[in-house]
Amino acid sequence: MRDFNFFEPFQQKEKKSQVKGLPFWAIALILLIIAASWPAYNFFRIYTLRSEAQTLEERLVNDPNYHKLAEVEQKEADLLSYQDMLASLELADETIRESELIDERLFFVISGTLPRDLALNSMSINGRNIQVQGIAGSKPAIAEMEFNLRNTGEFERIFVPSISENNGLFNFGMTFQIRGVSNGASD
């Protein structure tokens, strides 16, 4: 009869694990060779890249179209400068449009109130205050303009501080304010 050895499978595994691999000194030698050759490899790569860059630079400088490269770079810089100026001008234009008190509609409203025999010489606008100087053929024409300005509903505090006659024509000054204007907007 045969004896069963319960430790036999474990003993066989021990024998397999006793197989020797590379000795420690061989692994250390391989790592030392790799560590020593890595800087040499990097030095070689840096040297070749520098020589390629120098060759390309010489080829570029000796190219007959090299002077055009400087012109192109200058034009690109000018283009960027012009684009920056355009952006700032567009921003300024938008700011002016947003805060503009006088618009075309205001001029049309004022010109729509002018009677037939009346002409404006000048108009000055300061904030919401408007001052006009003009010539009329008669005093009723001045009164008609004042009446028309009141009827638009756009203006308030309409006042005629001066009327003077000169050779049958009446020079006058008129001041009024834009109604309901707040924060720099006419609407």
C-alpha atoms as a PDB file:
ATOM      1  CA  MET A   1       0.000   0.000   0.000  1.00  0.00           C
ATOM      2  CA  ARG A   2       1.126   3.418  -0.791  1.00  0.00           C
ATOM      3  CA  ASP A   3       1.488   6.250   1.652  1.00  0.00           C
ATOM      4  CA  PHE A   4      -0.192   9.477   0.829  1.00  0.00           C
ATOM      5  CA  ASN A   5       1.983  12.438   1.408  1.00  0.00           C
ATOM      6  CA  PHE A   6      -0.170  15.472   1.836  1.00  0.00           C
ATOM      7  CA  PHE A   7       2.834  17.798   1.496  1.00  0.00           C
ATOM      8  CA  GLU A   8       3.907  16.465  -1.864  1.00  0.00           C
ATOM      9  CA  PRO A   9       2.186  19.167  -3.990  1.00  0.00           C
ATOM     10  CA  PHE A  10       3.827  21.857  -1.891  1.00  0.00           C
ATOM     11  CA  GLN A  11       7.228  20.307  -2.218  1.00  0.00           C
ATOM     12  CA  GLN A  12       7.017  20.277  -5.987  1.00  0.00           C
ATOM     13  CA  LYS A  13       6.238  23.977  -6.038  1.00  0.00           C
ATOM     14  CA  GLU A  14       9.295  24.670  -3.987  1.00  0.00           C
ATOM     15  CA  LYS A  15      11.397  22.927  -6.537  1.00  0.00           C
ATOM     16  CA  LYS A  16       9.956  25.047  -9.346  1.00  0.00           C
ATOM     17  CA  SER A  17      10.615  28.271  -7.460  1.00  0.00           C
ATOM     18  CA  GLN A  18      14.226  27.332  -6.964  1.00  0.00           C
ATOM     19  CA  VAL A  19      14.945  27.844 -10.657  1.00  0.00           C
ATOM     20  CA  LYS A  20      17.514  30.607 -10.814  1.00  0.00           C
ATOM     21  CA  GLY A  21      16.942  33.763 -12.934  1.00  0.00           C
ATOM     22  CA  LEU A  22      19.441  36.384 -13.893  1.00  0.00           C
ATOM     23  CA  PRO A  23      21.842  37.214 -11.141  1.00  0.00           C
ATOM     24  CA  PHE A  24      21.520  40.559  -9.414  1.00  0.00           C
ATOM     25  CA  TRP A  25      24.814  41.843 -10.738  1.00  0.00           C
ATOM     26  CA  ALA A  26      23.685  41.220 -14.352  1.00  0.00           C
ATOM     27  CA  ILE A  27      20.493  43.242 -13.865  1.00  0.00           C
ATOM     28  CA  ALA A  28      22.480  46.033 -12.239  1.00  0.00           C
ATOM     29  CA  LEU A  29      24.960  46.013 -15.142  1.00  0.00           C
ATOM     30  CA  ILE A  30      22.140  46.302 -17.720  1.00  0.00           C
ATOM     31  CA  LEU A  31      20.563  49.207 -15.837  1.00  0.00           C
ATOM     32  CA  LEU A  32      23.954  50.920 -15.561  1.00  0.00           C
ATOM     33  CA  ILE A  33      24.525  50.611 -19.314  1.00  0.00           C
ATOM     34  CA  ILE A  34      21.059  52.049 -20.048  1.00  0.00           C
ATOM     35  CA  ALA A  35      21.577  54.921 -17.601  1.00  0.00           C
ATOM     36  CA  ALA A  36      24.985  55.736 -19.103  1.00  0.00           C
ATOM     37  CA  SER A  37      23.798  55.561 -22.715  1.00  0.00           C
ATOM     38  CA  TRP A  38      20.651  57.713 -22.219  1.00  0.00           C
ATOM     39  CA  PRO A  39      22.520  61.066 -21.897  1.00  0.00           C
ATOM     40  CA  ALA A  40      24.701  60.131 -24.859  1.00  0.00           C
ATOM     41  CA  TYR A  41      21.550  59.433 -26.929  1.00  0.00           C
ATOM     42  CA  ASN A  42      20.018  62.751 -25.867  1.00  0.00           C
ATOM     43  CA  PHE A  43      23.249  64.599 -26.704  1.00  0.00           C
ATOM     44  CA  PHE A  44      23.271  62.993 -30.155  1.00  0.00           C
ATOM     45  CA  ARG A  45      19.591  63.957 -30.782  1.00  0.00           C
ATOM     46  CA  ILE A  46      20.208  67.558 -29.665  1.00  0.00           C
ATOM     47  CA  TYR A  47      23.250  67.791 -31.932  1.00  0.00           C
ATOM     48  CA  THR A  48      21.328  66.486 -34.967  1.00  0.00           C
ATOM     49  CA  LEU A  49      18.336  68.780 -34.313  1.00  0.00           C
ATOM     50  CA  ARG A  50      20.622  71.814 -34.001  1.00  0.00           C
ATOM     51  CA  SER A  51      22.405  70.976 -37.228  1.00  0.00           C
ATOM     52  CA  GLU A  52      19.058  70.515 -39.035  1.00  0.00           C
ATOM     53  CA  ALA A  53      17.811  73.870 -37.676  1.00  0.00           C
ATOM     54  CA  GLN A  54      21.025  75.590 -38.783  1.00  0.00           C
ATOM     55  CA  THR A  55      20.727  74.068 -42.271  1.00  0.00           C
ATOM     56  CA  LEU A  56      17.111  75.209 -42.578  1.00  0.00           C
ATOM     57  CA  GLU A  57      17.976  78.700 -41.367  1.00  0.00           C
ATOM     58  CA  GLU A  58      20.815  78.981 -43.917  1.00  0.00           C
ATOM     59  CA  ARG A  59      18.475  77.800 -46.651  1.00  0.00           C
ATOM     60  CA  LEU A  60      15.859  80.363 -45.586  1.00  0.00           C
ATOM     61  CA  VAL A  61      18.308  83.275 -45.441  1.00  0.00           C
ATOM     62  CA  ASN A  62      19.808  82.396 -48.828  1.00  0.00           C
ATOM     63  CA  ASP A  63      16.365  82.126 -50.469  1.00  0.00           C
ATOM     64  CA  PRO A  64      15.788  84.962 -52.982  1.00  0.00           C
ATOM     65  CA  ASN A  65      12.298  85.555 -51.532  1.00  0.00           C
ATOM     66  CA  TYR A  66      13.583  86.068 -47.982  1.00  0.00           C
ATOM     67  CA  HIS A  67      13.034  89.848 -48.100  1.00  0.00           C
ATOM     68  CA  LYS A  68       9.344  89.201 -48.833  1.00  0.00           C
ATOM     69  CA  LEU A  69       9.045  87.374 -45.519  1.00  0.00           C
ATOM     70  CA  ALA A  70       9.903  90.580 -43.658  1.00  0.00           C
ATOM     71  CA  GLU A  71       7.315  92.476 -45.719  1.00  0.00           C
ATOM     72  CA  VAL A  72       4.668  89.853 -44.960  1.00  0.00           C
ATOM     73  CA  GLU A  73       5.463  89.985 -41.239  1.00  0.00           C
ATOM     74  CA  GLN A  74       5.195  93.795 -41.315  1.00  0.00           C
ATOM     75  CA  LYS A  75       1.870  93.621 -43.137  1.00  0.00           C
ATOM     76  CA  GLU A  76       0.567  91.060 -40.652  1.00  0.00           C
ATOM     77  CA  ALA A  77       1.535  93.376 -37.798  1.00  0.00           C
ATOM     78  CA  ASP A  78      -0.185  96.285 -39.587  1.00  0.00           C
ATOM     79  CA  LEU A  79      -3.272  94.131 -40.126  1.00  0.00           C
ATOM     80  CA  LEU A  80      -3.450  93.264 -36.432  1.00  0.00           C
ATOM     81  CA  SER A  81      -3.063  96.954 -35.580  1.00  0.00           C
ATOM     82  CA  TYR A  82      -5.832  97.903 -38.006  1.00  0.00           C
ATOM     83  CA  GLN A  83      -8.089  95.179 -36.635  1.00  0.00           C
ATOM     84  CA  ASP A  84      -7.550  96.516 -33.117  1.00  0.00           C
ATOM     85  CA  MET A  85      -8.332 100.051 -34.297  1.00  0.00           C
ATOM     86  CA  LEU A  86     -11.450  98.809 -36.105  1.00  0.00           C
ATOM     87  CA  ALA A  87     -12.659  97.029 -32.987  1.00  0.00           C
ATOM     88  CA  SER A  88     -12.116 100.139 -30.862  1.00  0.00           C
ATOM     89  CA  LEU A  89     -13.860 102.328 -33.451  1.00  0.00           C
ATOM     90  CA  GLU A  90     -16.809  99.936 -33.603  1.00  0.00           C
ATOM     91  CA  LEU A  91     -17.021 100.025 -29.820  1.00  0.00           C
ATOM     92  CA  ALA A  92     -16.877 103.841 -29.835  1.00  0.00           C
ATOM     93  CA  ASP A  93     -19.526 103.974 -32.566  1.00  0.00           C
ATOM     94  CA  GLU A  94     -21.800 101.689 -30.577  1.00  0.00           C
ATOM     95  CA  THR A  95     -21.266 103.772 -27.439  1.00  0.00           C
ATOM     96  CA  ILE A  96     -22.082 106.965 -29.334  1.00  0.00           C
ATOM     97  CA  ARG A  97     -25.181 105.419 -30.881  1.00  0.00           C
ATOM     98  CA  GLU A  98     -26.404 104.239 -27.480  1.00  0.00           C
ATOM     99  CA  SER A  99     -25.851 107.595 -25.792  1.00  0.00           C
ATOM    100  CA  GLU A 100     -26.717 109.829 -28.718  1.00  0.00           C
ATOM    101  CA  LEU A 101     -29.329 112.360 -27.740  1.00  0.00           C
ATOM    102  CA  ILE A 102     -29.837 113.755 -31.211  1.00  0.00           C
ATOM    103  CA  ASP A 103     -30.974 111.389 -33.863  1.00  0.00           C
ATOM    104  CA  GLU A 104     -32.495 111.812 -37.308  1.00  0.00           C
ATOM    105  CA  ARG A 105     -36.016 111.637 -35.936  1.00  0.00           C
ATOM    106  CA  LEU A 106     -35.364 114.701 -33.745  1.00  0.00           C
ATOM    107  CA  PHE A 107     -34.161 116.714 -36.739  1.00  0.00           C
ATOM    108  CA  PHE A 108     -37.188 115.647 -38.782  1.00  0.00           C
ATOM    109  CA  VAL A 109     -39.532 116.638 -35.957  1.00  0.00           C
ATOM    110  CA  ILE A 110     -37.931 120.092 -35.672  1.00  0.00           C
ATOM    111  CA  SER A 111     -37.804 120.637 -39.433  1.00  0.00           C
ATOM    112  CA  GLY A 112     -41.456 119.551 -39.668  1.00  0.00           C
ATOM    113  CA  THR A 113     -42.460 122.427 -37.399  1.00  0.00           C
ATOM    114  CA  LEU A 114     -40.943 125.140 -39.599  1.00  0.00           C
ATOM    115  CA  PRO A 115     -43.476 127.368 -41.345  1.00  0.00           C
ATOM    116  CA  ARG A 116     -43.062 128.362 -44.962  1.00  0.00           C
ATOM    117  CA  ASP A 117     -41.514 131.806 -44.487  1.00  0.00           C
ATOM    118  CA  LEU A 118     -39.104 130.859 -41.688  1.00  0.00           C
ATOM    119  CA  ALA A 119     -35.519 129.577 -41.902  1.00  0.00           C
ATOM    120  CA  LEU A 120     -33.102 128.486 -39.222  1.00  0.00           C
ATOM    121  CA  ASN A 121     -29.594 129.942 -39.217  1.00  0.00           C
ATOM    122  CA  SER A 122     -28.152 127.856 -36.380  1.00  0.00           C
ATOM    123  CA  MET A 123     -29.069 125.261 -33.826  1.00  0.00           C
ATOM    124  CA  SER A 124     -27.123 124.394 -30.723  1.00  0.00           C
ATOM    125  CA  ILE A 125     -27.894 121.492 -28.481  1.00  0.00           C
ATOM    126  CA  ASN A 126     -26.565 121.133 -24.970  1.00  0.00           C
ATOM    127  CA  GLY A 127     -27.908 118.052 -23.204  1.00  0.00           C
ATOM    128  CA  ARG A 128     -31.688 118.371 -23.470  1.00  0.00           C
ATOM    129  CA  ASN A 129     -31.593 122.133 -24.118  1.00  0.00           C
ATOM    130  CA  ILE A 130     -31.948 123.297 -27.709  1.00  0.00           C
ATOM    131  CA  GLN A 131     -31.370 126.851 -28.877  1.00  0.00           C
ATOM    132  CA  VAL A 132     -32.159 127.984 -32.416  1.00  0.00           C
ATOM    133  CA  GLN A 133     -31.495 131.233 -34.257  1.00  0.00           C
ATOM    134  CA  GLY A 134     -33.469 132.026 -37.367  1.00  0.00           C
ATOM    135  CA  ILE A 135     -35.037 134.502 -39.752  1.00  0.00           C
ATOM    136  CA  ALA A 136     -38.751 134.846 -40.370  1.00  0.00           C
ATOM    137  CA  GLY A 137     -40.792 136.916 -42.766  1.00  0.00           C
ATOM    138  CA  SER A 138     -43.279 137.787 -40.021  1.00  0.00           C
ATOM    139  CA  LYS A 139     -43.900 137.509 -36.306  1.00  0.00           C
ATOM    140  CA  PRO A 140     -46.835 135.128 -36.844  1.00  0.00           C
ATOM    141  CA  ALA A 141     -44.397 132.668 -38.535  1.00  0.00           C
ATOM    142  CA  ILE A 142     -42.349 132.622 -35.325  1.00  0.00           C
ATOM    143  CA  ALA A 143     -45.508 132.087 -33.282  1.00  0.00           C
ATOM    144  CA  GLU A 144     -46.558 129.301 -35.684  1.00  0.00           C
ATOM    145  CA  MET A 145     -43.231 127.502 -35.161  1.00  0.00           C
ATOM    146  CA  GLU A 146     -43.661 127.795 -31.389  1.00  0.00           C
ATOM    147  CA  PHE A 147     -47.209 126.442 -31.684  1.00  0.00           C
ATOM    148  CA  ASN A 148     -46.056 123.560 -33.909  1.00  0.00           C
ATOM    149  CA  LEU A 149     -43.276 122.631 -31.457  1.00  0.00           C
ATOM    150  CA  ARG A 150     -45.826 122.476 -28.617  1.00  0.00           C
ATOM    151  CA  ASN A 151     -48.177 120.303 -30.675  1.00  0.00           C
ATOM    152  CA  THR A 152     -45.507 117.662 -31.349  1.00  0.00           C
ATOM    153  CA  GLY A 153     -45.469 116.733 -27.668  1.00  0.00           C
ATOM    154  CA  GLU A 154     -41.708 116.210 -27.949  1.00  0.00           C
ATOM    155  CA  PHE A 155     -40.650 119.549 -26.482  1.00  0.00           C
ATOM    156  CA  GLU A 156     -41.316 121.613 -23.371  1.00  0.00           C
ATOM    157  CA  ARG A 157     -40.371 125.021 -21.936  1.00  0.00           C
ATOM    158  CA  ILE A 158     -40.524 126.687 -25.334  1.00  0.00           C
ATOM    159  CA  PHE A 159     -39.458 130.305 -25.030  1.00  0.00           C
ATOM    160  CA  VAL A 160     -38.645 133.090 -27.490  1.00  0.00           C
ATOM    161  CA  PRO A 161     -36.215 135.426 -25.679  1.00  0.00           C
ATOM    162  CA  SER A 162     -35.522 137.782 -28.580  1.00  0.00           C
ATOM    163  CA  ILE A 163     -37.092 139.080 -31.799  1.00  0.00           C
ATOM    164  CA  SER A 164     -35.573 141.941 -33.771  1.00  0.00           C
ATOM    165  CA  GLU A 165     -36.541 143.427 -37.130  1.00  0.00           C
ATOM    166  CA  ASN A 166     -33.960 144.121 -39.800  1.00  0.00           C
ATOM    167  CA  ASN A 167     -35.001 145.267 -43.318  1.00  0.00           C
ATOM    168  CA  GLY A 168     -38.427 143.670 -43.088  1.00  0.00           C
ATOM    169  CA  LEU A 169     -37.110 140.338 -41.771  1.00  0.00           C
ATOM    170  CA  PHE A 170     -37.347 139.230 -38.182  1.00  0.00           C
ATOM    171  CA  ASN A 171     -34.285 137.715 -36.504  1.00  0.00           C
ATOM    172  CA  PHE A 172     -35.265 135.585 -33.544  1.00  0.00           C
ATOM    173  CA  GLY A 173     -33.895 133.252 -30.956  1.00  0.00           C
ATOM    174  CA  MET A 174     -35.843 130.367 -29.450  1.00  0.00           C
ATOM    175  CA  THR A 175     -34.996 127.952 -26.648  1.00  0.00           C
ATOM    176  CA  PHE A 176     -36.755 124.720 -25.714  1.00  0.00           C
ATOM    177  CA  GLN A 177     -36.079 121.376 -24.096  1.00  0.00           C
ATOM    178  CA  ILE A 178     -36.619 117.815 -25.200  1.00  0.00           C
ATOM    179  CA  ARG A 179     -39.448 116.330 -23.158  1.00  0.00           C
ATOM    180  CA  GLY A 180     -38.990 113.160 -21.123  1.00  0.00           C
ATOM    181  CA  VAL A 181     -35.290 112.662 -21.781  1.00  0.00           C
ATOM    182  CA  SER A 182     -33.471 110.673 -19.139  1.00  0.00           C
ATOM    183  CA  ASN A 183     -30.055 109.020 -19.152  1.00  0.00           C
ATOM    184  CA  GLY A 184     -29.066 110.500 -22.514  1.00  0.00           C
ATOM    185  CA  ALA A 185     -31.786 108.884 -24.651  1.00  0.00           C
ATOM    186  CA  SER A 186     -34.306 110.826 -26.723  1.00  0.00           C
ATOM    187  CA  ASP A 187     -37.000 108.162 -26.713  1.00  0.00           C
END
